[in-house]
């Protein structure tokens, strides 16, 4: 059995995944029950919600105010929103980090939000 074409296709798919432009960004977590908003940055806006929700569900989120709001109002009161994505193309790692910090500050001020982590 010749696995050559299938193996080459799999390698091409893996290479495309590794070489894809990565989007990082800023997201908000909102609690409708208490009116709170928290903002943070993430390396992967599409999957960050799972991480935040997991830590809140298990009672181990580092933000005590967010954890208290989750405990008081429950998961149904919470929402996750990607506010902005930033491509790393054309940016150095330090430039990307600086841009993310600046955009997080902007969104925290614009929404009257607290930091989710940090």
PDB file of N, CA and C in Angstrom:
ATOM      1  N   UNK A   1       0.848  -1.185   0.000  1.00  0.00           N
ATOM      2  CA  UNK A   1       0.000   0.000   0.000  1.00  0.00           C
ATOM      3  C   UNK A   1       0.888   1.241   0.000  1.00  0.00           C
ATOM      4  N   UNK A   2       0.593   2.193  -0.866  1.00  0.00           N
ATOM      5  CA  UNK A   2       1.399   3.405  -0.982  1.00  0.00           C
ATOM      6  C   UNK A   2       0.720   4.542  -0.213  1.00  0.00           C
ATOM      7  N   UNK A   3       1.357   4.968   0.856  1.00  0.00           N
ATOM      8  CA  UNK A   3       0.803   6.043   1.687  1.00  0.00           C
ATOM      9  C   UNK A   3       1.402   7.394   1.329  1.00  0.00           C
ATOM     10  N   UNK A   4       2.209   7.454   0.279  1.00  0.00           N
ATOM     11  CA  UNK A   4       2.901   8.678  -0.105  1.00  0.00           C
ATOM     12  C   UNK A   4       2.015   9.883  -0.294  1.00  0.00           C
ATOM     13  N   UNK A   5       0.993   9.822  -1.170  1.00  0.00           N
ATOM     14  CA  UNK A   5       0.149  11.010  -1.388  1.00  0.00           C
ATOM     15  C   UNK A   5      -0.607  11.439  -0.132  1.00  0.00           C
ATOM     16  N   UNK A   6      -1.079  10.450   0.644  1.00  0.00           N
ATOM     17  CA  UNK A   6      -1.809  10.782   1.859  1.00  0.00           C
ATOM     18  C   UNK A   6      -0.880  11.420   2.889  1.00  0.00           C
ATOM     19  N   UNK A   7       0.313  10.887   3.004  1.00  0.00           N
ATOM     20  CA  UNK A   7       1.297  11.427   3.945  1.00  0.00           C
ATOM     21  C   UNK A   7       1.685  12.855   3.544  1.00  0.00           C
ATOM     22  N   UNK A   8       1.889  13.084   2.256  1.00  0.00           N
ATOM     23  CA  UNK A   8       2.239  14.419   1.768  1.00  0.00           C
ATOM     24  C   UNK A   8       1.103  15.405   2.029  1.00  0.00           C
ATOM     25  N   UNK A   9      -0.123  14.969   1.842  1.00  0.00           N
ATOM     26  CA  UNK A   9      -1.287  15.834   2.096  1.00  0.00           C
ATOM     27  C   UNK A   9      -1.360  16.202   3.573  1.00  0.00           C
ATOM     28  N   UNK A  10      -1.139  15.221   4.442  1.00  0.00           N
ATOM     29  CA  UNK A  10      -1.163  15.476   5.884  1.00  0.00           C
ATOM     30  C   UNK A  10      -0.057  16.449   6.290  1.00  0.00           C
ATOM     31  N   UNK A  11       1.116  16.280   5.702  1.00  0.00           N
ATOM     32  CA  UNK A  11       2.220  17.198   5.997  1.00  0.00           C
ATOM     33  C   UNK A  11       1.893  18.614   5.538  1.00  0.00           C
ATOM     34  N   UNK A  12       1.252  18.725   4.367  1.00  0.00           N
ATOM     35  CA  UNK A  12       0.880  20.041   3.839  1.00  0.00           C
ATOM     36  C   UNK A  12      -0.148  20.715   4.751  1.00  0.00           C
ATOM     37  N   UNK A  13      -1.101  19.934   5.247  1.00  0.00           N
ATOM     38  CA  UNK A  13      -2.120  20.478   6.152  1.00  0.00           C
ATOM     39  C   UNK A  13      -1.459  20.939   7.449  1.00  0.00           C
ATOM     40  N   UNK A  14      -0.563  20.118   7.981  1.00  0.00           N
ATOM     41  CA  UNK A  14       0.135  20.482   9.221  1.00  0.00           C
ATOM     42  C   UNK A  14       0.984  21.733   9.026  1.00  0.00           C
ATOM     43  N   UNK A  15       1.679  21.838   7.912  1.00  0.00           N
ATOM     44  CA  UNK A  15       2.520  23.002   7.629  1.00  0.00           C
ATOM     45  C   UNK A  15       1.663  24.265   7.503  1.00  0.00           C
ATOM     46  N   UNK A  16       0.505  24.135   6.834  1.00  0.00           N
ATOM     47  CA  UNK A  16      -0.394  25.288   6.685  1.00  0.00           C
ATOM     48  C   UNK A  16      -0.883  25.759   8.057  1.00  0.00           C
ATOM     49  N   UNK A  17      -1.139  24.804   8.949  1.00  0.00           N
ATOM     50  CA  UNK A  17      -1.593  25.148  10.303  1.00  0.00           C
ATOM     51  C   UNK A  17      -0.505  25.908  11.052  1.00  0.00           C
ATOM     52  N   UNK A  18       0.717  25.424  10.980  1.00  0.00           N
ATOM     53  CA  UNK A  18       1.836  26.063  11.672  1.00  0.00           C
ATOM     54  C   UNK A  18       2.120  27.444  11.093  1.00  0.00           C
ATOM     55  N   UNK A  19       2.022  27.580   9.781  1.00  0.00           N
ATOM     56  CA  UNK A  19       2.375  28.826   9.103  1.00  0.00           C
ATOM     57  C   UNK A  19       1.232  29.838   9.017  1.00  0.00           C
ATOM     58  N   UNK A  20       0.060  29.494   9.512  1.00  0.00           N
ATOM     59  CA  UNK A  20      -1.087  30.395   9.397  1.00  0.00           C
ATOM     60  C   UNK A  20      -0.817  31.681  10.179  1.00  0.00           C
ATOM     61  N   UNK A  21      -1.363  32.796   9.707  1.00  0.00           N
ATOM     62  CA  UNK A  21      -1.231  34.032  10.491  1.00  0.00           C
ATOM     63  C   UNK A  21      -2.024  33.861  11.786  1.00  0.00           C
ATOM     64  N   UNK A  22      -1.412  34.163  12.877  1.00  0.00           N
ATOM     65  CA  UNK A  22      -2.086  33.994  14.164  1.00  0.00           C
ATOM     66  C   UNK A  22      -2.739  35.308  14.573  1.00  0.00           C
ATOM     67  N   UNK A  23      -3.943  35.179  15.053  1.00  0.00           N
ATOM     68  CA  UNK A  23      -4.653  36.338  15.567  1.00  0.00           C
ATOM     69  C   UNK A  23      -4.669  36.254  17.085  1.00  0.00           C
ATOM     70  N   UNK A  24      -4.264  37.305  17.702  1.00  0.00           N
ATOM     71  CA  UNK A  24      -4.379  37.424  19.142  1.00  0.00           C
ATOM     72  C   UNK A  24      -5.362  38.555  19.369  1.00  0.00           C
ATOM     73  N   UNK A  25      -5.776  38.769  20.573  1.00  0.00           N
ATOM     74  CA  UNK A  25      -6.745  39.831  20.725  1.00  0.00           C
ATOM     75  C   UNK A  25      -7.111  40.182  22.143  1.00  0.00           C
ATOM     76  N   UNK A  26      -8.181  40.953  22.210  1.00  0.00           N
ATOM     77  CA  UNK A  26      -8.718  41.463  23.460  1.00  0.00           C
ATOM     78  C   UNK A  26     -10.153  40.973  23.564  1.00  0.00           C
ATOM     79  N   UNK A  27     -10.530  40.505  24.755  1.00  0.00           N
ATOM     80  CA  UNK A  27     -11.885  40.009  24.954  1.00  0.00           C
ATOM     81  C   UNK A  27     -12.473  40.576  26.239  1.00  0.00           C
ATOM     82  N   UNK A  28     -13.796  40.497  26.319  1.00  0.00           N
ATOM     83  CA  UNK A  28     -14.502  40.941  27.517  1.00  0.00           C
ATOM     84  C   UNK A  28     -15.344  39.800  28.054  1.00  0.00           C
ATOM     85  N   UNK A  29     -15.435  39.740  29.359  1.00  0.00           N
ATOM     86  CA  UNK A  29     -16.357  38.848  30.052  1.00  0.00           C
ATOM     87  C   UNK A  29     -17.310  39.763  30.799  1.00  0.00           C
ATOM     88  N   UNK A  30     -18.605  39.535  30.578  1.00  0.00           N
ATOM     89  CA  UNK A  30     -19.617  40.394  31.195  1.00  0.00           C
ATOM     90  C   UNK A  30     -20.530  39.578  32.097  1.00  0.00           C
ATOM     91  N   UNK A  31     -20.922  40.185  33.193  1.00  0.00           N
ATOM     92  CA  UNK A  31     -21.900  39.581  34.087  1.00  0.00           C
ATOM     93  C   UNK A  31     -23.135  40.466  34.086  1.00  0.00           C
ATOM     94  N   UNK A  32     -24.182  39.992  33.441  1.00  0.00           N
ATOM     95  CA  UNK A  32     -25.421  40.768  33.356  1.00  0.00           C
ATOM     96  C   UNK A  32     -26.065  40.922  34.728  1.00  0.00           C
ATOM     97  N   UNK A  33     -25.914  39.927  35.585  1.00  0.00           N
ATOM     98  CA  UNK A  33     -26.529  39.968  36.909  1.00  0.00           C
ATOM     99  C   UNK A  33     -25.980  41.070  37.791  1.00  0.00           C
ATOM    100  N   UNK A  34     -24.709  41.337  37.681  1.00  0.00           N
ATOM    101  CA  UNK A  34     -24.093  42.357  38.524  1.00  0.00           C
ATOM    102  C   UNK A  34     -23.625  43.573  37.770  1.00  0.00           C
ATOM    103  N   UNK A  35     -23.682  43.520  36.445  1.00  0.00           N
ATOM    104  CA  UNK A  35     -23.268  44.641  35.625  1.00  0.00           C
ATOM    105  C   UNK A  35     -21.760  44.816  35.490  1.00  0.00           C
ATOM    106  N   UNK A  36     -20.993  43.845  35.939  1.00  0.00           N
ATOM    107  CA  UNK A  36     -19.542  43.956  35.854  1.00  0.00           C
ATOM    108  C   UNK A  36     -19.038  43.566  34.465  1.00  0.00           C
ATOM    109  N   UNK A  37     -17.889  44.141  34.122  1.00  0.00           N
ATOM    110  CA  UNK A  37     -17.202  43.806  32.875  1.00  0.00           C
ATOM    111  C   UNK A  37     -15.715  43.667  33.195  1.00  0.00           C
ATOM    112  N   UNK A  38     -15.118  42.619  32.658  1.00  0.00           N
ATOM    113  CA  UNK A  38     -13.681  42.405  32.798  1.00  0.00           C
ATOM    114  C   UNK A  38     -13.087  42.252  31.410  1.00  0.00           C
ATOM    115  N   UNK A  39     -11.885  42.760  31.228  1.00  0.00           N
ATOM    116  CA  UNK A  39     -11.223  42.722  29.922  1.00  0.00           C
ATOM    117  C   UNK A  39      -9.835  42.115  30.092  1.00  0.00           C
ATOM    118  N   UNK A  40      -9.418  41.373  29.084  1.00  0.00           N
ATOM    119  CA  UNK A  40      -8.076  40.799  29.080  1.00  0.00           C
ATOM    120  C   UNK A  40      -7.634  40.531  27.647  1.00  0.00           C
ATOM    121  N   UNK A  41      -6.386  40.123  27.503  1.00  0.00           N
ATOM    122  CA  UNK A  41      -5.852  39.745  26.194  1.00  0.00           C
ATOM    123  C   UNK A  41      -5.732  38.230  26.130  1.00  0.00           C
ATOM    124  N   UNK A  42      -5.616  37.724  24.904  1.00  0.00           N
ATOM    125  CA  UNK A  42      -5.493  36.291  24.709  1.00  0.00           C
ATOM    126  C   UNK A  42      -4.686  35.981  23.467  1.00  0.00           C
ATOM    127  N   UNK A  43      -4.031  34.834  23.482  1.00  0.00           N
ATOM    128  CA  UNK A  43      -3.303  34.355  22.315  1.00  0.00           C
ATOM    129  C   UNK A  43      -4.251  33.670  21.342  1.00  0.00           C
ATOM    130  N   UNK A  44      -5.419  33.280  21.804  1.00  0.00           N
ATOM    131  CA  UNK A  44      -6.357  32.579  20.947  1.00  0.00           C
ATOM    132  C   UNK A  44      -7.787  32.983  21.297  1.00  0.00           C
ATOM    133  N   UNK A  45      -8.297  34.035  20.677  1.00  0.00           N
ATOM    134  CA  UNK A  45      -9.639  34.530  21.017  1.00  0.00           C
ATOM    135  C   UNK A  45     -10.750  33.502  20.820  1.00  0.00           C
ATOM    136  N   UNK A  46     -10.568  32.583  19.877  1.00  0.00           N
ATOM    137  CA  UNK A  46     -11.629  31.621  19.583  1.00  0.00           C
ATOM    138  C   UNK A  46     -11.818  30.575  20.673  1.00  0.00           C
ATOM    139  N   UNK A  47     -10.778  30.291  21.435  1.00  0.00           N
ATOM    140  CA  UNK A  47     -10.889  29.244  22.450  1.00  0.00           C
ATOM    141  C   UNK A  47     -10.733  29.746  23.883  1.00  0.00           C
ATOM    142  N   UNK A  48     -10.483  31.002  24.072  1.00  0.00           N
ATOM    143  CA  UNK A  48     -10.242  31.541  25.412  1.00  0.00           C
ATOM    144  C   UNK A  48     -11.450  31.363  26.333  1.00  0.00           C
ATOM    145  N   UNK A  49     -12.640  31.464  25.787  1.00  0.00           N
ATOM    146  CA  UNK A  49     -13.840  31.334  26.621  1.00  0.00           C
ATOM    147  C   UNK A  49     -13.821  30.009  27.376  1.00  0.00           C
ATOM    148  N   UNK A  50     -13.445  28.926  26.703  1.00  0.00           N
ATOM    149  CA  UNK A  50     -13.428  27.617  27.365  1.00  0.00           C
ATOM    150  C   UNK A  50     -12.530  27.632  28.593  1.00  0.00           C
ATOM    151  N   UNK A  51     -11.388  28.260  28.479  1.00  0.00           N
ATOM    152  CA  UNK A  51     -10.456  28.324  29.599  1.00  0.00           C
ATOM    153  C   UNK A  51     -11.024  29.139  30.758  1.00  0.00           C
ATOM    154  N   UNK A  52     -11.580  30.295  30.437  1.00  0.00           N
ATOM    155  CA  UNK A  52     -12.145  31.165  31.481  1.00  0.00           C
ATOM    156  C   UNK A  52     -13.322  30.472  32.161  1.00  0.00           C
ATOM    157  N   UNK A  53     -14.223  29.899  31.372  1.00  0.00           N
ATOM    158  CA  UNK A  53     -15.409  29.240  31.932  1.00  0.00           C
ATOM    159  C   UNK A  53     -14.999  28.042  32.792  1.00  0.00           C
ATOM    160  N   UNK A  54     -13.991  27.288  32.356  1.00  0.00           N
ATOM    161  CA  UNK A  54     -13.534  26.143  33.132  1.00  0.00           C
ATOM    162  C   UNK A  54     -13.046  26.587  34.506  1.00  0.00           C
ATOM    163  N   UNK A  55     -12.218  27.624  34.545  1.00  0.00           N
ATOM    164  CA  UNK A  55     -11.691  28.073  35.840  1.00  0.00           C
ATOM    165  C   UNK A  55     -12.801  28.643  36.726  1.00  0.00           C
ATOM    166  N   UNK A  56     -13.792  29.290  36.127  1.00  0.00           N
ATOM    167  CA  UNK A  56     -14.918  29.792  36.917  1.00  0.00           C
ATOM    168  C   UNK A  56     -15.797  28.646  37.420  1.00  0.00           C
ATOM    169  N   UNK A  57     -16.069  27.676  36.560  1.00  0.00           N
ATOM    170  CA  UNK A  57     -16.898  26.522  36.971  1.00  0.00           C
ATOM    171  C   UNK A  57     -16.262  25.740  38.115  1.00  0.00           C
ATOM    172  N   UNK A  58     -14.949  25.617  38.084  1.00  0.00           N
ATOM    173  CA  UNK A  58     -14.264  24.830  39.107  1.00  0.00           C
ATOM    174  C   UNK A  58     -13.910  25.653  40.339  1.00  0.00           C
ATOM    175  N   UNK A  59     -14.247  26.937  40.319  1.00  0.00           N
ATOM    176  CA  UNK A  59     -14.024  27.792  41.479  1.00  0.00           C
ATOM    177  C   UNK A  59     -12.595  28.253  41.654  1.00  0.00           C
ATOM    178  N   UNK A  60     -11.792  28.136  40.601  1.00  0.00           N
ATOM    179  CA  UNK A  60     -10.390  28.479  40.736  1.00  0.00           C
ATOM    180  C   UNK A  60      -9.935  29.665  39.919  1.00  0.00           C
ATOM    181  N   UNK A  61     -10.844  30.544  39.538  1.00  0.00           N
ATOM    182  CA  UNK A  61     -10.411  31.692  38.741  1.00  0.00           C
ATOM    183  C   UNK A  61      -9.621  32.655  39.614  1.00  0.00           C
ATOM    184  N   UNK A  62      -8.489  33.186  39.099  1.00  0.00           N
ATOM    185  CA  UNK A  62      -7.660  34.083  39.918  1.00  0.00           C
ATOM    186  C   UNK A  62      -8.305  35.430  40.223  1.00  0.00           C
ATOM    187  N   UNK A  63      -9.304  35.845  39.440  1.00  0.00           N
ATOM    188  CA  UNK A  63      -9.973  37.117  39.707  1.00  0.00           C
ATOM    189  C   UNK A  63     -11.102  36.846  40.705  1.00  0.00           C
ATOM    190  N   UNK A  64     -10.894  37.279  41.922  1.00  0.00           N
ATOM    191  CA  UNK A  64     -11.870  36.988  42.990  1.00  0.00           C
ATOM    192  C   UNK A  64     -13.233  37.626  42.741  1.00  0.00           C
ATOM    193  N   UNK A  65     -13.243  38.827  42.168  1.00  0.00           N
ATOM    194  CA  UNK A  65     -14.520  39.498  41.898  1.00  0.00           C
ATOM    195  C   UNK A  65     -15.301  38.753  40.823  1.00  0.00           C
ATOM    196  N   UNK A  66     -14.612  38.306  39.778  1.00  0.00           N
ATOM    197  CA  UNK A  66     -15.285  37.542  38.726  1.00  0.00           C
ATOM    198  C   UNK A  66     -15.799  36.220  39.279  1.00  0.00           C
ATOM    199  N   UNK A  67     -14.991  35.559  40.097  1.00  0.00           N
ATOM    200  CA  UNK A  67     -15.421  34.293  40.684  1.00  0.00           C
ATOM    201  C   UNK A  67     -16.619  34.498  41.598  1.00  0.00           C
ATOM    202  N   UNK A  68     -16.606  35.569  42.386  1.00  0.00           N
ATOM    203  CA  UNK A  68     -17.732  35.858  43.284  1.00  0.00           C
ATOM    204  C   UNK A  68     -19.008  36.142  42.484  1.00  0.00           C
ATOM    205  N   UNK A  69     -18.873  36.884  41.386  1.00  0.00           N
ATOM    206  CA  UNK A  69     -20.040  37.176  40.546  1.00  0.00           C
ATOM    207  C   UNK A  69     -20.573  35.888  39.915  1.00  0.00           C
ATOM    208  N   UNK A  70     -19.677  35.020  39.465  1.00  0.00           N
ATOM    209  CA  UNK A  70     -20.086  33.728  38.890  1.00  0.00           C
ATOM    210  C   UNK A  70     -20.832  32.909  39.939  1.00  0.00           C
ATOM    211  N   UNK A  71     -20.280  32.867  41.143  1.00  0.00           N
ATOM    212  CA  UNK A  71     -20.909  32.097  42.219  1.00  0.00           C
ATOM    213  C   UNK A  71     -22.285  32.664  42.573  1.00  0.00           C
ATOM    214  N   UNK A  72     -22.407  33.985  42.536  1.00  0.00           N
ATOM    215  CA  UNK A  72     -23.662  34.634  42.918  1.00  0.00           C
ATOM    216  C   UNK A  72     -24.723  34.570  41.822  1.00  0.00           C
ATOM    217  N   UNK A  73     -24.318  34.740  40.564  1.00  0.00           N
ATOM    218  CA  UNK A  73     -25.294  34.879  39.476  1.00  0.00           C
ATOM    219  C   UNK A  73     -25.364  33.677  38.543  1.00  0.00           C
ATOM    220  N   UNK A  74     -24.340  32.856  38.540  1.00  0.00           N
ATOM    221  CA  UNK A  74     -24.347  31.651  37.712  1.00  0.00           C
ATOM    222  C   UNK A  74     -23.896  31.895  36.286  1.00  0.00           C
ATOM    223  N   UNK A  75     -23.634  30.797  35.619  1.00  0.00           N
ATOM    224  CA  UNK A  75     -23.109  30.834  34.251  1.00  0.00           C
ATOM    225  C   UNK A  75     -24.028  31.557  33.279  1.00  0.00           C
ATOM    226  N   UNK A  76     -25.332  31.421  33.448  1.00  0.00           N
ATOM    227  CA  UNK A  76     -26.289  32.024  32.512  1.00  0.00           C
ATOM    228  C   UNK A  76     -26.168  33.547  32.462  1.00  0.00           C
ATOM    229  N   UNK A  77     -25.652  34.154  33.521  1.00  0.00           N
ATOM    230  CA  UNK A  77     -25.520  35.612  33.569  1.00  0.00           C
ATOM    231  C   UNK A  77     -24.262  36.105  32.867  1.00  0.00           C
ATOM    232  N   UNK A  78     -23.401  35.195  32.456  1.00  0.00           N
ATOM    233  CA  UNK A  78     -22.112  35.579  31.886  1.00  0.00           C
ATOM    234  C   UNK A  78     -22.100  35.461  30.367  1.00  0.00           C
ATOM    235  N   UNK A  79     -21.342  36.378  29.756  1.00  0.00           N
ATOM    236  CA  UNK A  79     -21.143  36.314  28.303  1.00  0.00           C
ATOM    237  C   UNK A  79     -19.680  36.624  27.999  1.00  0.00           C
ATOM    238  N   UNK A  80     -19.254  36.139  26.844  1.00  0.00           N
ATOM    239  CA  UNK A  80     -17.883  36.312  26.370  1.00  0.00           C
ATOM    240  C   UNK A  80     -17.946  36.994  25.026  1.00  0.00           C
ATOM    241  N   UNK A  81     -17.105  38.008  24.838  1.00  0.00           N
ATOM    242  CA  UNK A  81     -17.113  38.751  23.577  1.00  0.00           C
ATOM    243  C   UNK A  81     -15.689  39.085  23.156  1.00  0.00           C
ATOM    244  N   UNK A  82     -15.342  38.726  21.929  1.00  0.00           N
ATOM    245  CA  UNK A  82     -14.059  39.144  21.368  1.00  0.00           C
ATOM    246  C   UNK A  82     -14.235  40.594  20.930  1.00  0.00           C
ATOM    247  N   UNK A  83     -13.462  41.481  21.502  1.00  0.00           N
ATOM    248  CA  UNK A  83     -13.582  42.903  21.206  1.00  0.00           C
ATOM    249  C   UNK A  83     -12.752  43.307  19.993  1.00  0.00           C
ATOM    250  N   UNK A  84     -11.597  42.663  19.849  1.00  0.00           N
ATOM    251  CA  UNK A  84     -10.678  43.054  18.782  1.00  0.00           C
ATOM    252  C   UNK A  84      -9.660  41.941  18.578  1.00  0.00           C
ATOM    253  N   UNK A  85      -9.326  41.690  17.316  1.00  0.00           N
ATOM    254  CA  UNK A  85      -8.238  40.758  17.021  1.00  0.00           C
ATOM    255  C   UNK A  85      -7.089  41.525  16.380  1.00  0.00           C
ATOM    256  N   UNK A  86      -5.893  41.044  16.652  1.00  0.00           N
ATOM    257  CA  UNK A  86      -4.683  41.689  16.145  1.00  0.00           C
ATOM    258  C   UNK A  86      -3.815  40.611  15.528  1.00  0.00           C
ATOM    259  N   UNK A  87      -3.445  40.797  14.289  1.00  0.00           N
ATOM    260  CA  UNK A  87      -2.563  39.854  13.610  1.00  0.00           C
ATOM    261  C   UNK A  87      -1.123  40.149  13.993  1.00  0.00           C
ATOM    262  N   UNK A  88      -0.341  39.092  14.128  1.00  0.00           N
ATOM    263  CA  UNK A  88       1.071  39.283  14.464  1.00  0.00           C
ATOM    264  C   UNK A  88       1.919  39.594  13.241  1.00  0.00           C
ATOM    265  N   UNK A  89       1.305  39.559  12.049  1.00  0.00           N
ATOM    266  CA  UNK A  89       2.064  39.838  10.832  1.00  0.00           C
ATOM    267  C   UNK A  89       2.668  41.238  10.884  1.00  0.00           C
ATOM    268  N   UNK A  90       3.952  41.312  10.592  1.00  0.00           N
ATOM    269  CA  UNK A  90       4.639  42.597  10.545  1.00  0.00           C
ATOM    270  C   UNK A  90       5.021  43.147  11.902  1.00  0.00           C
ATOM    271  N   UNK A  91       4.733  42.414  12.965  1.00  0.00           N
ATOM    272  CA  UNK A  91       5.076  42.881  14.304  1.00  0.00           C
ATOM    273  C   UNK A  91       6.121  41.967  14.921  1.00  0.00           C
ATOM    274  N   UNK A  92       7.035  42.550  15.631  1.00  0.00           N
ATOM    275  CA  UNK A  92       7.967  41.746  16.419  1.00  0.00           C
ATOM    276  C   UNK A  92       7.193  41.218  17.634  1.00  0.00           C
ATOM    277  N   UNK A  93       7.711  40.204  18.300  1.00  0.00           N
ATOM    278  CA  UNK A  93       7.022  39.739  19.512  1.00  0.00           C
ATOM    279  C   UNK A  93       6.815  40.856  20.535  1.00  0.00           C
ATOM    280  N   UNK A  94       7.813  41.708  20.701  1.00  0.00           N
ATOM    281  CA  UNK A  94       7.675  42.832  21.635  1.00  0.00           C
ATOM    282  C   UNK A  94       6.647  43.837  21.133  1.00  0.00           C
ATOM    283  N   UNK A  95       6.647  44.098  19.825  1.00  0.00           N
ATOM    284  CA  UNK A  95       5.667  45.008  19.246  1.00  0.00           C
ATOM    285  C   UNK A  95       4.243  44.500  19.419  1.00  0.00           C
ATOM    286  N   UNK A  96       4.063  43.196  19.252  1.00  0.00           N
ATOM    287  CA  UNK A  96       2.741  42.598  19.448  1.00  0.00           C
ATOM    288  C   UNK A  96       2.306  42.706  20.899  1.00  0.00           C
ATOM    289  N   UNK A  97       3.227  42.418  21.812  1.00  0.00           N
ATOM    290  CA  UNK A  97       2.914  42.518  23.240  1.00  0.00           C
ATOM    291  C   UNK A  97       2.515  43.940  23.613  1.00  0.00           C
ATOM    292  N   UNK A  98       3.257  44.926  23.108  1.00  0.00           N
ATOM    293  CA  UNK A  98       2.943  46.332  23.384  1.00  0.00           C
ATOM    294  C   UNK A  98       1.584  46.720  22.807  1.00  0.00           C
ATOM    295  N   UNK A  99       1.306  46.261  21.579  1.00  0.00           N
ATOM    296  CA  UNK A  99       0.013  46.576  20.958  1.00  0.00           C
ATOM    297  C   UNK A  99      -1.136  45.974  21.760  1.00  0.00           C
ATOM    298  N   UNK A 100      -0.985  44.722  22.192  1.00  0.00           N
ATOM    299  CA  UNK A 100      -2.032  44.079  22.988  1.00  0.00           C
ATOM    300  C   UNK A 100      -2.264  44.825  24.298  1.00  0.00           C
ATOM    301  N   UNK A 101      -1.195  45.223  24.976  1.00  0.00           N
ATOM    302  CA  UNK A 101      -1.335  45.969  26.229  1.00  0.00           C
ATOM    303  C   UNK A 101      -2.062  47.287  26.001  1.00  0.00           C
ATOM    304  N   UNK A 102      -1.693  47.981  24.938  1.00  0.00           N
ATOM    305  CA  UNK A 102      -2.322  49.273  24.634  1.00  0.00           C
ATOM    306  C   UNK A 102      -3.801  49.093  24.332  1.00  0.00           C
ATOM    307  N   UNK A 103      -4.141  48.073  23.561  1.00  0.00           N
ATOM    308  CA  UNK A 103      -5.548  47.850  23.204  1.00  0.00           C
ATOM    309  C   UNK A 103      -6.358  47.383  24.418  1.00  0.00           C
ATOM    310  N   UNK A 104      -5.731  46.615  25.295  1.00  0.00           N
ATOM    311  CA  UNK A 104      -6.423  46.218  26.522  1.00  0.00           C
ATOM    312  C   UNK A 104      -6.735  47.456  27.361  1.00  0.00           C
ATOM    313  N   UNK A 105      -5.762  48.354  27.509  1.00  0.00           N
ATOM    314  CA  UNK A 105      -5.999  49.597  28.258  1.00  0.00           C
ATOM    315  C   UNK A 105      -7.136  50.397  27.627  1.00  0.00           C
ATOM    316  N   UNK A 106      -7.115  50.496  26.299  1.00  0.00           N
ATOM    317  CA  UNK A 106      -8.164  51.228  25.594  1.00  0.00           C
ATOM    318  C   UNK A 106      -9.540  50.635  25.922  1.00  0.00           C
ATOM    319  N   UNK A 107      -9.675  49.335  25.780  1.00  0.00           N
ATOM    320  CA  UNK A 107     -10.982  48.708  25.996  1.00  0.00           C
ATOM    321  C   UNK A 107     -11.422  48.771  27.458  1.00  0.00           C
ATOM    322  N   UNK A 108     -10.481  48.645  28.386  1.00  0.00           N
ATOM    323  CA  UNK A 108     -10.856  48.760  29.795  1.00  0.00           C
ATOM    324  C   UNK A 108     -11.419  50.146  30.079  1.00  0.00           C
ATOM    325  N   UNK A 109     -10.765  51.168  29.529  1.00  0.00           N
ATOM    326  CA  UNK A 109     -11.247  52.532  29.724  1.00  0.00           C
ATOM    327  C   UNK A 109     -12.582  52.756  29.022  1.00  0.00           C
ATOM    328  N   UNK A 110     -12.690  52.295  27.780  1.00  0.00           N
ATOM    329  CA  UNK A 110     -13.910  52.505  26.999  1.00  0.00           C
ATOM    330  C   UNK A 110     -15.126  51.836  27.637  1.00  0.00           C
ATOM    331  N   UNK A 111     -14.916  50.683  28.259  1.00  0.00           N
ATOM    332  CA  UNK A 111     -16.039  49.928  28.843  1.00  0.00           C
ATOM    333  C   UNK A 111     -16.170  50.117  30.348  1.00  0.00           C
ATOM    334  N   UNK A 112     -15.256  50.865  30.929  1.00  0.00           N
ATOM    335  CA  UNK A 112     -15.275  50.999  32.395  1.00  0.00           C
ATOM    336  C   UNK A 112     -15.060  49.648  33.052  1.00  0.00           C
ATOM    337  N   UNK A 113     -14.176  48.850  32.461  1.00  0.00           N
ATOM    338  CA  UNK A 113     -13.982  47.473  32.893  1.00  0.00           C
ATOM    339  C   UNK A 113     -12.759  47.334  33.788  1.00  0.00           C
ATOM    340  N   UNK A 114     -12.749  46.251  34.521  1.00  0.00           N
ATOM    341  CA  UNK A 114     -11.588  45.872  35.323  1.00  0.00           C
ATOM    342  C   UNK A 114     -10.780  44.851  34.542  1.00  0.00           C
ATOM    343  N   UNK A 115      -9.569  44.615  34.992  1.00  0.00           N
ATOM    344  CA  UNK A 115      -8.735  43.581  34.385  1.00  0.00           C
ATOM    345  C   UNK A 115      -9.248  42.213  34.824  1.00  0.00           C
ATOM    346  N   UNK A 116      -9.300  41.270  33.900  1.00  0.00           N
ATOM    347  CA  UNK A 116      -9.727  39.923  34.263  1.00  0.00           C
ATOM    348  C   UNK A 116      -8.603  39.175  34.948  1.00  0.00           C
ATOM    349  N   UNK A 117      -7.404  39.368  34.467  1.00  0.00           N
ATOM    350  CA  UNK A 117      -6.226  38.737  35.092  1.00  0.00           C
ATOM    351  C   UNK A 117      -5.133  39.774  35.200  1.00  0.00           C
ATOM    352  N   UNK A 118      -4.194  39.510  36.103  1.00  0.00           N
ATOM    353  CA  UNK A 118      -3.046  40.412  36.200  1.00  0.00           C
ATOM    354  C   UNK A 118      -3.156  41.462  37.234  1.00  0.00           C
TER     355      UNK A 118
END
